[in-house]
């Protein structure tokens, strides 16, 4: 058997194993947790950057007030 044939058979075997794994409830639950964690991370980052934006706006407003005085 050639090296290319062995690689093809390995690919088929890995593909079949992946297909079997994807159908399990454990895999689906794990994927759901990962996606939920990603959304939570996105929301946390959004809140954090909003806080930074508000702080920067406050600092600018204070500087503008001082400059007018």
C-alpha atoms as a PDB file:
ATOM      1  CA  UNK A   1       0.000   0.000   0.000  1.00  0.00           C
ATOM      2  CA  UNK A   2       1.317   3.417  -0.890  1.00  0.00           C
ATOM      3  CA  UNK A   3       1.831   6.251   1.541  1.00  0.00           C
ATOM      4  CA  UNK A   4      -1.048   8.181  -0.056  1.00  0.00           C
ATOM      5  CA  UNK A   5      -3.361   5.198   0.390  1.00  0.00           C
ATOM      6  CA  UNK A   6      -2.486   4.956   4.084  1.00  0.00           C
ATOM      7  CA  UNK A   7      -3.182   8.652   4.554  1.00  0.00           C
ATOM      8  CA  UNK A   8      -6.524   8.265   2.805  1.00  0.00           C
ATOM      9  CA  UNK A   9      -7.533   5.368   5.071  1.00  0.00           C
ATOM     10  CA  UNK A  10      -6.471   7.345   8.146  1.00  0.00           C
ATOM     11  CA  UNK A  11      -8.577  10.251   6.907  1.00  0.00           C
ATOM     12  CA  UNK A  12     -11.600   8.008   6.445  1.00  0.00           C
ATOM     13  CA  UNK A  13     -11.126   6.519   9.920  1.00  0.00           C
ATOM     14  CA  UNK A  14     -10.798   9.932  11.548  1.00  0.00           C
ATOM     15  CA  UNK A  15     -13.825  11.207   9.629  1.00  0.00           C
ATOM     16  CA  UNK A  16     -15.956   8.285  10.796  1.00  0.00           C
ATOM     17  CA  UNK A  17     -14.795   8.754  14.393  1.00  0.00           C
ATOM     18  CA  UNK A  18     -15.597  12.477  14.221  1.00  0.00           C
ATOM     19  CA  UNK A  19     -19.050  11.755  12.778  1.00  0.00           C
ATOM     20  CA  UNK A  20     -19.755   9.340  15.626  1.00  0.00           C
ATOM     21  CA  UNK A  21     -18.495  11.842  18.210  1.00  0.00           C
ATOM     22  CA  UNK A  22     -20.633  14.684  16.855  1.00  0.00           C
ATOM     23  CA  UNK A  23     -23.806  12.643  17.360  1.00  0.00           C
ATOM     24  CA  UNK A  24     -23.244  12.187  21.123  1.00  0.00           C
ATOM     25  CA  UNK A  25     -25.159  14.232  23.691  1.00  0.00           C
ATOM     26  CA  UNK A  26     -21.960  14.922  25.635  1.00  0.00           C
ATOM     27  CA  UNK A  27     -20.385  16.581  22.607  1.00  0.00           C
ATOM     28  CA  UNK A  28     -23.467  18.730  22.018  1.00  0.00           C
ATOM     29  CA  UNK A  29     -23.611  19.804  25.673  1.00  0.00           C
ATOM     30  CA  UNK A  30     -19.932  20.678  25.569  1.00  0.00           C
ATOM     31  CA  UNK A  31     -20.427  22.758  22.415  1.00  0.00           C
ATOM     32  CA  UNK A  32     -23.380  24.528  24.032  1.00  0.00           C
ATOM     33  CA  UNK A  33     -21.272  25.424  27.064  1.00  0.00           C
ATOM     34  CA  UNK A  34     -18.475  26.736  24.854  1.00  0.00           C
ATOM     35  CA  UNK A  35     -20.865  28.905  22.835  1.00  0.00           C
ATOM     36  CA  UNK A  36     -22.549  30.200  26.001  1.00  0.00           C
ATOM     37  CA  UNK A  37     -19.140  31.024  27.446  1.00  0.00           C
ATOM     38  CA  UNK A  38     -18.236  32.892  24.280  1.00  0.00           C
ATOM     39  CA  UNK A  39     -21.403  34.984  24.455  1.00  0.00           C
ATOM     40  CA  UNK A  40     -20.757  35.727  28.142  1.00  0.00           C
ATOM     41  CA  UNK A  41     -17.199  36.795  27.330  1.00  0.00           C
ATOM     42  CA  UNK A  42     -18.487  39.056  24.550  1.00  0.00           C
ATOM     43  CA  UNK A  43     -21.018  40.674  26.881  1.00  0.00           C
ATOM     44  CA  UNK A  44     -18.418  41.165  29.622  1.00  0.00           C
ATOM     45  CA  UNK A  45     -16.006  42.764  27.170  1.00  0.00           C
ATOM     46  CA  UNK A  46     -18.750  45.034  25.833  1.00  0.00           C
ATOM     47  CA  UNK A  47     -19.599  46.229  29.357  1.00  0.00           C
ATOM     48  CA  UNK A  48     -15.910  46.758  30.176  1.00  0.00           C
ATOM     49  CA  UNK A  49     -15.275  48.870  27.081  1.00  0.00           C
ATOM     50  CA  UNK A  50     -18.463  50.847  27.698  1.00  0.00           C
ATOM     51  CA  UNK A  51     -17.144  51.678  31.180  1.00  0.00           C
ATOM     52  CA  UNK A  52     -13.825  52.791  29.702  1.00  0.00           C
ATOM     53  CA  UNK A  53     -15.663  54.958  27.162  1.00  0.00           C
ATOM     54  CA  UNK A  54     -17.755  56.605  29.895  1.00  0.00           C
ATOM     55  CA  UNK A  55     -14.648  57.275  31.996  1.00  0.00           C
ATOM     56  CA  UNK A  56     -12.894  58.850  29.016  1.00  0.00           C
ATOM     57  CA  UNK A  57     -15.914  61.036  28.304  1.00  0.00           C
ATOM     58  CA  UNK A  58     -15.972  62.156  31.958  1.00  0.00           C
ATOM     59  CA  UNK A  59     -12.283  63.051  31.851  1.00  0.00           C
ATOM     60  CA  UNK A  60     -12.759  65.035  28.640  1.00  0.00           C
ATOM     61  CA  UNK A  61     -15.742  66.879  30.093  1.00  0.00           C
ATOM     62  CA  UNK A  62     -13.701  67.801  33.194  1.00  0.00           C
ATOM     63  CA  UNK A  63     -10.849  69.063  31.025  1.00  0.00           C
ATOM     64  CA  UNK A  64     -13.244  71.123  28.899  1.00  0.00           C
ATOM     65  CA  UNK A  65     -14.759  72.612  32.065  1.00  0.00           C
ATOM     66  CA  UNK A  66     -11.319  73.511  33.426  1.00  0.00           C
ATOM     67  CA  UNK A  67     -10.289  75.025  30.098  1.00  0.00           C
ATOM     68  CA  UNK A  68     -13.377  77.292  30.042  1.00  0.00           C
ATOM     69  CA  UNK A  69     -12.772  78.482  33.622  1.00  0.00           C
END
